[in-house]
Amino acid sequence: QVQLVESGGGLVQPGGSLRLSCATSRSTFMLYAMGWYRQAPGKQRELVATMTTGGGTNYGDSVKGRFTISRDNAKNTVFLQMNNVKPEDTAIYYCCGRNYASGAPDYWGQGTQVTVSS
């Protein structure tokens, strides 16, 4: 059974920073790509960032230049560094894994809440 365990969510002020973590098994970590999506109330789930095992990255337009995805191969963990956060970044953030180069993610974590508010 695939498990993706997110941590690091919480309340942060506008302009602040937060780092999310997603830990998983070695086999899941070596899927084609790992990444993050988010879903705000009343909105569709959207891409935040993905990273392949080869290091290729893809970011959603709204987070480019502010968020950075990275991987720790020794710990089978994917990170999302969120800088200069905005109220519109408020959402549930989901870690995901994808088997192939294209298509929707195949596996999802349970999500972690991020709230940006003063």
C-alpha atoms as a PDB file:
ATOM      1  CA  GLN A   1       0.000   0.000   0.000  1.00  0.00           C
ATOM      2  CA  VAL A   2       1.377   3.362  -1.038  1.00  0.00           C
ATOM      3  CA  GLN A   3       1.640   5.926   1.735  1.00  0.00           C
ATOM      4  CA  LEU A   4       2.507   9.577   1.330  1.00  0.00           C
ATOM      5  CA  VAL A   5       2.756  11.408   4.658  1.00  0.00           C
ATOM      6  CA  GLU A   6       2.704  15.202   4.531  1.00  0.00           C
ATOM      7  CA  SER A   7       3.812  17.524   7.316  1.00  0.00           C
ATOM      8  CA  GLY A   8       4.714  21.158   7.850  1.00  0.00           C
ATOM      9  CA  GLY A   9       1.422  22.911   7.188  1.00  0.00           C
ATOM     10  CA  GLY A  10       0.052  25.636   9.428  1.00  0.00           C
ATOM     11  CA  LEU A  11      -0.673  29.314   9.763  1.00  0.00           C
ATOM     12  CA  VAL A  12       1.770  31.801   8.239  1.00  0.00           C
ATOM     13  CA  GLN A  13       1.616  35.554   7.717  1.00  0.00           C
ATOM     14  CA  PRO A  14       1.644  37.104   4.250  1.00  0.00           C
ATOM     15  CA  GLY A  15       5.205  37.470   3.047  1.00  0.00           C
ATOM     16  CA  GLY A  16       6.402  34.684   5.305  1.00  0.00           C
ATOM     17  CA  SER A  17       7.818  31.239   4.568  1.00  0.00           C
ATOM     18  CA  LEU A  18       6.827  27.656   5.195  1.00  0.00           C
ATOM     19  CA  ARG A  19       8.311  24.283   4.261  1.00  0.00           C
ATOM     20  CA  LEU A  20       6.195  21.224   3.567  1.00  0.00           C
ATOM     21  CA  SER A  21       7.560  17.684   3.696  1.00  0.00           C
ATOM     22  CA  CYS A  22       6.292  14.440   2.180  1.00  0.00           C
ATOM     23  CA  ALA A  23       7.808  11.172   3.351  1.00  0.00           C
ATOM     24  CA  THR A  24       7.221   7.874   1.620  1.00  0.00           C
ATOM     25  CA  SER A  25       8.733   4.461   0.931  1.00  0.00           C
ATOM     26  CA  ARG A  26      11.734   3.977  -1.329  1.00  0.00           C
ATOM     27  CA  SER A  27       9.696   2.307  -4.061  1.00  0.00           C
ATOM     28  CA  THR A  28       7.184   5.152  -4.144  1.00  0.00           C
ATOM     29  CA  PHE A  29       9.901   7.784  -3.988  1.00  0.00           C
ATOM     30  CA  MET A  30      11.435   6.300  -7.160  1.00  0.00           C
ATOM     31  CA  LEU A  31       8.277   6.703  -9.215  1.00  0.00           C
ATOM     32  CA  TYR A  32       8.673   8.794 -12.346  1.00  0.00           C
ATOM     33  CA  ALA A  33       7.760  11.995 -10.490  1.00  0.00           C
ATOM     34  CA  MET A  34       6.745  13.290  -7.072  1.00  0.00           C
ATOM     35  CA  GLY A  35       5.108  16.591  -6.377  1.00  0.00           C
ATOM     36  CA  TRP A  36       2.494  18.830  -4.850  1.00  0.00           C
ATOM     37  CA  TYR A  37      -0.986  19.953  -5.786  1.00  0.00           C
ATOM     38  CA  ARG A  38      -3.315  22.196  -3.813  1.00  0.00           C
ATOM     39  CA  GLN A  39      -7.041  22.787  -3.487  1.00  0.00           C
ATOM     40  CA  ALA A  40      -8.634  25.942  -2.120  1.00  0.00           C
ATOM     41  CA  PRO A  41     -12.272  26.047  -0.959  1.00  0.00           C
ATOM     42  CA  GLY A  42     -14.620  26.131  -3.930  1.00  0.00           C
ATOM     43  CA  LYS A  43     -11.812  25.649  -6.452  1.00  0.00           C
ATOM     44  CA  GLN A  44     -10.399  22.780  -8.450  1.00  0.00           C
ATOM     45  CA  ARG A  45      -7.223  21.031  -7.429  1.00  0.00           C
ATOM     46  CA  GLU A  46      -4.266  22.628  -9.209  1.00  0.00           C
ATOM     47  CA  LEU A  47      -0.630  21.890  -9.858  1.00  0.00           C
ATOM     48  CA  VAL A  48       1.895  23.472  -7.515  1.00  0.00           C
ATOM     49  CA  ALA A  49       5.125  21.712  -8.468  1.00  0.00           C
ATOM     50  CA  THR A  50       6.506  18.363  -9.573  1.00  0.00           C
ATOM     51  CA  MET A  51       9.994  16.911  -9.801  1.00  0.00           C
ATOM     52  CA  THR A  52      11.139  13.813 -11.666  1.00  0.00           C
ATOM     53  CA  THR A  53      13.752  11.350 -10.454  1.00  0.00           C
ATOM     54  CA  GLY A  54      16.036  12.969 -13.012  1.00  0.00           C
ATOM     55  CA  GLY A  55      15.597  16.382 -11.405  1.00  0.00           C
ATOM     56  CA  GLY A  56      13.280  17.959 -13.958  1.00  0.00           C
ATOM     57  CA  THR A  57      10.803  20.395 -12.442  1.00  0.00           C
ATOM     58  CA  ASN A  58       7.448  21.854 -13.389  1.00  0.00           C
ATOM     59  CA  TYR A  59       5.715  24.683 -11.527  1.00  0.00           C
ATOM     60  CA  GLY A  60       2.256  26.184 -11.588  1.00  0.00           C
ATOM     61  CA  ASP A  61       2.256  29.743 -12.934  1.00  0.00           C
ATOM     62  CA  SER A  62       0.990  31.238  -9.676  1.00  0.00           C
ATOM     63  CA  VAL A  63       3.950  29.964  -7.628  1.00  0.00           C
ATOM     64  CA  LYS A  64       6.853  30.379 -10.039  1.00  0.00           C
ATOM     65  CA  GLY A  65       9.681  32.337  -8.453  1.00  0.00           C
ATOM     66  CA  ARG A  66       8.261  31.885  -4.942  1.00  0.00           C
ATOM     67  CA  PHE A  67       8.075  28.121  -4.321  1.00  0.00           C
ATOM     68  CA  THR A  68      10.831  25.540  -4.756  1.00  0.00           C
ATOM     69  CA  ILE A  69      10.482  21.761  -4.873  1.00  0.00           C
ATOM     70  CA  SER A  70      13.351  19.505  -3.858  1.00  0.00           C
ATOM     71  CA  ARG A  71      14.089  15.873  -3.005  1.00  0.00           C
ATOM     72  CA  ASP A  72      16.225  14.206  -0.344  1.00  0.00           C
ATOM     73  CA  ASN A  73      17.144  10.846  -1.832  1.00  0.00           C
ATOM     74  CA  ALA A  74      18.599   9.545   1.426  1.00  0.00           C
ATOM     75  CA  LYS A  75      15.365  10.201   3.324  1.00  0.00           C
ATOM     76  CA  ASN A  76      12.845   9.379   0.564  1.00  0.00           C
ATOM     77  CA  THR A  77      11.320  12.791   1.173  1.00  0.00           C
ATOM     78  CA  VAL A  78      10.058  15.554  -1.081  1.00  0.00           C
ATOM     79  CA  PHE A  79       9.984  19.151   0.111  1.00  0.00           C
ATOM     80  CA  LEU A  80       8.132  22.282  -0.920  1.00  0.00           C
ATOM     81  CA  GLN A  81       9.761  25.518   0.193  1.00  0.00           C
ATOM     82  CA  MET A  82       7.176  28.294   0.121  1.00  0.00           C
ATOM     83  CA  ASN A  83       8.499  31.857   0.240  1.00  0.00           C
ATOM     84  CA  ASN A  84       6.732  35.211   0.050  1.00  0.00           C
ATOM     85  CA  VAL A  85       3.393  33.506   0.603  1.00  0.00           C
ATOM     86  CA  LYS A  86       0.145  35.278  -0.216  1.00  0.00           C
ATOM     87  CA  PRO A  87      -3.417  34.893   1.109  1.00  0.00           C
ATOM     88  CA  GLU A  88      -4.344  33.200  -2.179  1.00  0.00           C
ATOM     89  CA  ASP A  89      -1.890  30.409  -1.338  1.00  0.00           C
ATOM     90  CA  THR A  90      -4.316  29.278   1.363  1.00  0.00           C
ATOM     91  CA  ALA A  91      -5.335  25.713   0.509  1.00  0.00           C
ATOM     92  CA  ILE A  92      -4.963  22.067   1.381  1.00  0.00           C
ATOM     93  CA  TYR A  93      -1.658  20.893  -0.085  1.00  0.00           C
ATOM     94  CA  TYR A  94      -1.458  17.313  -1.314  1.00  0.00           C
ATOM     95  CA  CYS A  95       1.683  15.304  -1.950  1.00  0.00           C
ATOM     96  CA  CYS A  96       1.440  13.035  -4.980  1.00  0.00           C
ATOM     97  CA  GLY A  97       3.313  10.455  -7.002  1.00  0.00           C
ATOM     98  CA  ARG A  98       3.093   9.686 -10.705  1.00  0.00           C
ATOM     99  CA  ASN A  99       4.137   6.511 -12.488  1.00  0.00           C
ATOM    100  CA  TYR A 100       4.506   7.956 -15.968  1.00  0.00           C
ATOM    101  CA  ALA A 101       5.754  11.020 -17.784  1.00  0.00           C
ATOM    102  CA  SER A 102       2.265  12.352 -18.421  1.00  0.00           C
ATOM    103  CA  GLY A 103      -1.192  12.139 -16.974  1.00  0.00           C
ATOM    104  CA  ALA A 104      -2.656  12.727 -13.563  1.00  0.00           C
ATOM    105  CA  PRO A 105      -0.900  11.561 -10.388  1.00  0.00           C
ATOM    106  CA  ASP A 106      -1.492   7.946  -9.413  1.00  0.00           C
ATOM    107  CA  TYR A 107      -1.095   8.322  -5.655  1.00  0.00           C
ATOM    108  CA  TRP A 108      -2.135  10.987  -3.159  1.00  0.00           C
ATOM    109  CA  GLY A 109      -1.412  11.886   0.427  1.00  0.00           C
ATOM    110  CA  GLN A 110      -4.126  12.987   2.836  1.00  0.00           C
ATOM    111  CA  GLY A 111      -3.184  16.655   2.602  1.00  0.00           C
ATOM    112  CA  THR A 112      -1.941  19.342   4.935  1.00  0.00           C
ATOM    113  CA  GLN A 113      -3.654  22.692   5.512  1.00  0.00           C
ATOM    114  CA  VAL A 114      -1.769  25.900   4.771  1.00  0.00           C
ATOM    115  CA  THR A 115      -3.405  29.155   5.850  1.00  0.00           C
ATOM    116  CA  VAL A 116      -1.914  32.536   4.954  1.00  0.00           C
ATOM    117  CA  SER A 117      -3.377  35.265   7.095  1.00  0.00           C
ATOM    118  CA  SER A 118      -2.347  38.178   9.269  1.00  0.00           C
END
